[in-house]
């Protein structure tokens, strides 16, 4: 078994979420399998190519669509990397991760 290469802790979720393709012309349902401050693993019946840009909807006090890039694909599961452009986006994902962590411990 290979050593874990991820730099950030992942939290298992398994909830329904959605994302938008790069042109944001439609909302696409997906299953969020796990998430970290740097990315997520999702399951989608819509094909996503490696390197495709999508906007993953993050639930919080205000929903936010984070620009993300597909970095791997296995069947209909995709690894997406968040492309955080601002400190506000990083603060938002960090806060959401903390809230999910607290919720999962309850």
N, C-alpha and C. Protein backbone atom coordinates (compact mmCIF):
# COMPACT_ATOMS: atom_id res chain seq x y z
N UNK A 1 0.84 -1.18 0.00
CA UNK A 1 0.00 0.00 0.00
C UNK A 1 0.88 1.24 0.00
N UNK A 2 0.54 2.21 -0.85
CA UNK A 2 1.36 3.40 -0.94
C UNK A 2 1.04 4.39 0.18
N UNK A 3 2.00 5.24 0.48
CA UNK A 3 1.84 6.24 1.53
C UNK A 3 0.89 7.34 1.07
N UNK A 4 0.18 7.91 2.00
CA UNK A 4 -0.75 9.00 1.71
C UNK A 4 0.02 10.21 1.20
N UNK A 5 -0.39 10.76 0.06
CA UNK A 5 0.30 11.89 -0.55
C UNK A 5 -0.40 13.21 -0.28
N UNK A 6 -1.62 13.16 0.21
CA UNK A 6 -2.37 14.40 0.42
C UNK A 6 -1.77 15.21 1.55
N UNK A 7 -1.82 16.53 1.36
CA UNK A 7 -1.27 17.42 2.37
C UNK A 7 -2.31 17.90 3.36
N UNK A 8 -3.59 17.73 3.01
CA UNK A 8 -4.65 18.22 3.90
C UNK A 8 -5.62 17.09 4.24
N UNK A 9 -6.18 17.18 5.42
CA UNK A 9 -7.09 16.16 5.93
C UNK A 9 -8.39 16.17 5.13
N UNK A 10 -8.87 14.98 4.78
CA UNK A 10 -10.14 14.82 4.07
C UNK A 10 -11.21 14.39 5.06
N UNK A 11 -12.42 14.91 4.84
CA UNK A 11 -13.56 14.56 5.66
C UNK A 11 -14.57 13.86 4.76
N UNK A 12 -14.97 12.64 5.13
CA UNK A 12 -15.98 11.91 4.37
C UNK A 12 -17.35 12.51 4.62
N UNK A 13 -18.12 12.68 3.54
CA UNK A 13 -19.42 13.33 3.67
C UNK A 13 -20.56 12.50 3.07
N UNK A 14 -20.49 12.16 1.80
CA UNK A 14 -21.52 11.43 1.07
C UNK A 14 -22.87 12.15 1.11
N UNK A 15 -22.90 13.32 0.50
CA UNK A 15 -24.13 14.12 0.41
C UNK A 15 -24.30 14.61 -1.02
N UNK A 16 -25.54 14.94 -1.36
CA UNK A 16 -25.82 15.49 -2.68
C UNK A 16 -25.38 16.95 -2.75
N UNK A 17 -24.68 17.26 -3.81
CA UNK A 17 -24.21 18.62 -4.08
C UNK A 17 -24.41 18.90 -5.56
N UNK A 18 -23.87 19.99 -6.05
CA UNK A 18 -23.92 20.26 -7.48
C UNK A 18 -22.74 21.13 -7.89
N UNK A 19 -22.55 21.19 -9.20
CA UNK A 19 -21.51 22.04 -9.77
C UNK A 19 -22.02 22.60 -11.10
N UNK A 20 -21.30 23.58 -11.60
CA UNK A 20 -21.59 24.16 -12.90
C UNK A 20 -20.40 23.89 -13.82
N UNK A 21 -20.66 23.65 -15.12
CA UNK A 21 -19.53 23.57 -16.05
C UNK A 21 -18.91 24.95 -16.22
N UNK A 22 -17.81 25.00 -16.93
CA UNK A 22 -17.07 26.26 -17.08
C UNK A 22 -17.94 27.41 -17.59
N UNK A 23 -18.86 27.13 -18.52
CA UNK A 23 -19.70 28.20 -19.07
C UNK A 23 -20.91 28.52 -18.18
N UNK A 24 -21.06 27.78 -17.09
CA UNK A 24 -22.11 27.99 -16.08
C UNK A 24 -23.52 27.98 -16.68
N UNK A 25 -23.71 27.21 -17.77
CA UNK A 25 -25.01 27.21 -18.44
C UNK A 25 -26.02 26.24 -17.83
N UNK A 26 -25.59 25.36 -16.92
CA UNK A 26 -26.54 24.46 -16.26
C UNK A 26 -25.97 23.98 -14.93
N UNK A 27 -26.88 23.59 -14.05
CA UNK A 27 -26.52 23.03 -12.75
C UNK A 27 -26.48 21.52 -12.89
N UNK A 28 -25.38 20.89 -12.46
CA UNK A 28 -25.21 19.45 -12.59
C UNK A 28 -25.13 18.84 -11.19
N UNK A 29 -26.02 17.90 -10.92
CA UNK A 29 -26.04 17.23 -9.63
C UNK A 29 -24.86 16.26 -9.52
N UNK A 30 -24.33 16.14 -8.31
CA UNK A 30 -23.25 15.20 -8.05
C UNK A 30 -23.34 14.76 -6.59
N UNK A 31 -22.55 13.78 -6.24
CA UNK A 31 -22.43 13.32 -4.86
C UNK A 31 -21.06 13.73 -4.36
N UNK A 32 -21.03 14.42 -3.23
CA UNK A 32 -19.75 14.78 -2.61
C UNK A 32 -19.34 13.62 -1.72
N UNK A 33 -18.21 13.00 -2.04
CA UNK A 33 -17.73 11.84 -1.27
C UNK A 33 -16.86 12.27 -0.10
N UNK A 34 -15.94 13.19 -0.38
CA UNK A 34 -15.10 13.74 0.69
C UNK A 34 -14.59 15.10 0.24
N UNK A 35 -14.09 15.84 1.23
CA UNK A 35 -13.66 17.21 0.96
C UNK A 35 -12.49 17.57 1.87
N UNK A 36 -11.64 18.45 1.39
CA UNK A 36 -10.56 19.02 2.20
C UNK A 36 -10.46 20.49 1.83
N UNK A 37 -9.55 21.20 2.45
CA UNK A 37 -9.38 22.62 2.09
C UNK A 37 -8.79 22.80 0.71
N UNK A 38 -8.22 21.74 0.14
CA UNK A 38 -7.59 21.87 -1.18
C UNK A 38 -8.40 21.26 -2.32
N UNK A 39 -9.39 20.44 -2.00
CA UNK A 39 -10.16 19.80 -3.06
C UNK A 39 -11.20 18.84 -2.54
N UNK A 40 -11.75 18.06 -3.46
CA UNK A 40 -12.83 17.14 -3.10
C UNK A 40 -12.85 15.96 -4.06
N UNK A 41 -13.55 14.92 -3.65
CA UNK A 41 -13.84 13.79 -4.51
C UNK A 41 -15.35 13.78 -4.71
N UNK A 42 -15.77 13.79 -5.98
CA UNK A 42 -17.18 13.79 -6.29
C UNK A 42 -17.51 12.63 -7.23
N UNK A 43 -18.78 12.24 -7.24
CA UNK A 43 -19.30 11.27 -8.19
C UNK A 43 -20.31 12.00 -9.05
N UNK A 44 -20.16 11.89 -10.38
CA UNK A 44 -21.06 12.57 -11.29
C UNK A 44 -21.37 11.66 -12.48
N UNK A 45 -22.63 11.66 -12.90
CA UNK A 45 -23.02 10.93 -14.10
C UNK A 45 -22.68 11.70 -15.37
N UNK A 46 -22.36 12.97 -15.23
CA UNK A 46 -21.91 13.80 -16.35
C UNK A 46 -20.40 13.66 -16.47
N UNK A 47 -19.92 13.45 -17.67
CA UNK A 47 -18.48 13.27 -17.89
C UNK A 47 -17.73 14.58 -17.63
N UNK A 48 -16.63 14.47 -16.91
CA UNK A 48 -15.70 15.57 -16.69
C UNK A 48 -14.34 15.08 -17.17
N UNK A 49 -13.71 15.82 -18.03
CA UNK A 49 -12.38 15.45 -18.51
C UNK A 49 -11.32 15.98 -17.56
N UNK A 50 -10.21 15.26 -17.48
CA UNK A 50 -9.08 15.74 -16.69
C UNK A 50 -8.68 17.11 -17.20
N UNK A 51 -8.42 18.04 -16.29
CA UNK A 51 -8.06 19.42 -16.56
C UNK A 51 -9.27 20.32 -16.82
N UNK A 52 -10.48 19.76 -16.91
CA UNK A 52 -11.67 20.60 -17.08
C UNK A 52 -11.84 21.51 -15.88
N UNK A 53 -12.30 22.71 -16.13
CA UNK A 53 -12.62 23.67 -15.07
C UNK A 53 -14.12 23.56 -14.79
N UNK A 54 -14.48 23.42 -13.52
CA UNK A 54 -15.88 23.43 -13.11
C UNK A 54 -16.00 24.40 -11.92
N UNK A 55 -17.22 24.74 -11.57
CA UNK A 55 -17.48 25.59 -10.42
C UNK A 55 -18.30 24.78 -9.43
N UNK A 56 -17.63 24.30 -8.36
CA UNK A 56 -18.24 23.43 -7.36
C UNK A 56 -18.95 24.29 -6.32
N UNK A 57 -20.23 24.01 -6.12
CA UNK A 57 -21.03 24.79 -5.17
C UNK A 57 -20.73 24.34 -3.74
N UNK A 58 -20.30 25.27 -2.91
CA UNK A 58 -20.01 25.02 -1.50
C UNK A 58 -21.13 25.62 -0.68
N UNK A 59 -21.72 24.80 0.18
CA UNK A 59 -22.78 25.29 1.06
C UNK A 59 -22.17 25.94 2.29
N UNK A 60 -22.76 27.04 2.67
CA UNK A 60 -22.31 27.75 3.87
C UNK A 60 -23.36 28.76 4.24
N UNK A 61 -22.95 29.79 4.96
CA UNK A 61 -23.91 30.84 5.27
C UNK A 61 -24.41 31.47 3.97
N UNK A 62 -23.54 31.53 3.00
CA UNK A 62 -23.91 31.91 1.63
C UNK A 62 -23.25 30.89 0.71
N UNK A 63 -24.03 30.33 -0.22
CA UNK A 63 -23.44 29.39 -1.16
C UNK A 63 -22.38 30.10 -1.99
N UNK A 64 -21.34 29.36 -2.33
CA UNK A 64 -20.25 29.91 -3.13
C UNK A 64 -19.83 28.85 -4.13
N UNK A 65 -19.67 29.22 -5.38
CA UNK A 65 -19.18 28.31 -6.40
C UNK A 65 -17.68 28.51 -6.56
N UNK A 66 -16.92 27.50 -6.13
CA UNK A 66 -15.46 27.60 -6.18
C UNK A 66 -14.92 27.07 -7.51
N UNK A 67 -14.12 27.87 -8.15
CA UNK A 67 -13.46 27.43 -9.38
C UNK A 67 -12.58 26.25 -9.02
N UNK A 68 -12.71 25.17 -9.79
CA UNK A 68 -12.00 23.92 -9.50
C UNK A 68 -11.53 23.29 -10.81
N UNK A 69 -10.52 22.42 -10.67
CA UNK A 69 -9.99 21.72 -11.83
C UNK A 69 -10.02 20.22 -11.56
N UNK A 70 -10.49 19.46 -12.54
CA UNK A 70 -10.48 17.99 -12.43
C UNK A 70 -9.03 17.51 -12.56
N UNK A 71 -8.58 16.75 -11.57
CA UNK A 71 -7.18 16.29 -11.59
C UNK A 71 -7.05 14.78 -11.77
N UNK A 72 -8.13 14.04 -11.51
CA UNK A 72 -8.13 12.60 -11.79
C UNK A 72 -9.55 12.10 -11.99
N UNK A 73 -9.66 10.92 -12.62
CA UNK A 73 -10.95 10.31 -12.91
C UNK A 73 -10.81 8.80 -12.79
N UNK A 74 -11.75 8.17 -12.08
CA UNK A 74 -11.86 6.71 -12.03
C UNK A 74 -13.35 6.41 -12.17
N UNK A 75 -13.72 5.84 -13.32
CA UNK A 75 -15.12 5.59 -13.65
C UNK A 75 -15.89 6.90 -13.58
N UNK A 76 -16.88 7.01 -12.70
CA UNK A 76 -17.62 8.26 -12.60
C UNK A 76 -17.28 9.04 -11.32
N UNK A 77 -16.11 8.75 -10.75
CA UNK A 77 -15.59 9.53 -9.61
C UNK A 77 -14.48 10.45 -10.11
N UNK A 78 -14.46 11.66 -9.55
CA UNK A 78 -13.51 12.68 -9.99
C UNK A 78 -12.85 13.34 -8.79
N UNK A 79 -11.57 13.56 -8.90
CA UNK A 79 -10.86 14.37 -7.93
C UNK A 79 -10.78 15.78 -8.46
N UNK A 80 -11.24 16.74 -7.67
CA UNK A 80 -11.17 18.13 -8.10
C UNK A 80 -10.30 18.92 -7.13
N UNK A 81 -9.51 19.80 -7.69
CA UNK A 81 -8.63 20.68 -6.92
C UNK A 81 -9.25 22.06 -6.93
N UNK A 82 -9.44 22.65 -5.75
CA UNK A 82 -9.96 24.01 -5.67
C UNK A 82 -8.88 24.99 -6.13
N UNK A 83 -9.26 25.90 -7.00
CA UNK A 83 -8.35 26.94 -7.48
C UNK A 83 -8.73 28.23 -6.76
N UNK A 84 -8.26 28.33 -5.53
CA UNK A 84 -8.64 29.45 -4.67
C UNK A 84 -7.89 30.70 -5.09
N UNK A 85 -8.66 31.68 -5.55
CA UNK A 85 -8.06 32.91 -6.08
C UNK A 85 -7.89 34.00 -5.04
N UNK A 86 -8.66 33.94 -3.96
CA UNK A 86 -8.62 35.02 -2.98
C UNK A 86 -8.52 34.46 -1.57
N UNK A 87 -8.07 35.29 -0.65
CA UNK A 87 -8.04 34.91 0.75
C UNK A 87 -9.44 34.63 1.26
N UNK A 88 -10.42 35.36 0.75
CA UNK A 88 -11.82 35.16 1.16
C UNK A 88 -12.27 33.74 0.82
N UNK A 89 -11.92 33.25 -0.37
CA UNK A 89 -12.30 31.88 -0.74
C UNK A 89 -11.63 30.87 0.17
N UNK A 90 -10.36 31.06 0.49
CA UNK A 90 -9.66 30.16 1.40
C UNK A 90 -10.29 30.21 2.78
N UNK A 91 -10.61 31.40 3.28
CA UNK A 91 -11.26 31.53 4.59
C UNK A 91 -12.61 30.83 4.59
N UNK A 92 -13.36 30.96 3.48
CA UNK A 92 -14.68 30.33 3.39
C UNK A 92 -14.57 28.82 3.44
N UNK A 93 -13.69 28.23 2.65
CA UNK A 93 -13.55 26.78 2.65
C UNK A 93 -13.02 26.29 4.00
N UNK A 94 -12.12 27.02 4.61
CA UNK A 94 -11.61 26.64 5.94
C UNK A 94 -12.73 26.65 6.98
N UNK A 95 -13.56 27.68 6.95
CA UNK A 95 -14.68 27.78 7.89
C UNK A 95 -15.68 26.64 7.67
N UNK A 96 -15.97 26.36 6.41
CA UNK A 96 -16.90 25.27 6.09
C UNK A 96 -16.33 23.94 6.56
N UNK A 97 -15.04 23.71 6.35
CA UNK A 97 -14.39 22.47 6.80
C UNK A 97 -14.51 22.35 8.32
N UNK A 98 -14.28 23.44 9.04
CA UNK A 98 -14.41 23.41 10.51
C UNK A 98 -15.83 23.07 10.92
N UNK A 99 -16.83 23.67 10.25
CA UNK A 99 -18.23 23.41 10.57
C UNK A 99 -18.61 21.96 10.28
N UNK A 100 -18.13 21.40 9.16
CA UNK A 100 -18.39 20.00 8.83
C UNK A 100 -17.76 19.10 9.88
N UNK A 101 -16.53 19.43 10.28
CA UNK A 101 -15.83 18.65 11.29
C UNK A 101 -16.60 18.64 12.60
N UNK A 102 -17.09 19.79 13.03
CA UNK A 102 -17.85 19.89 14.27
C UNK A 102 -19.16 19.11 14.14
N UNK A 103 -19.85 19.25 13.00
CA UNK A 103 -21.10 18.54 12.76
C UNK A 103 -20.90 17.03 12.79
N UNK A 104 -19.82 16.54 12.19
CA UNK A 104 -19.55 15.10 12.14
C UNK A 104 -19.19 14.53 13.52
N UNK A 105 -18.68 15.36 14.41
CA UNK A 105 -18.31 14.89 15.75
C UNK A 105 -19.51 14.84 16.69
N UNK A 106 -20.59 15.54 16.31
CA UNK A 106 -21.79 15.61 17.18
C UNK A 106 -22.55 14.31 17.17
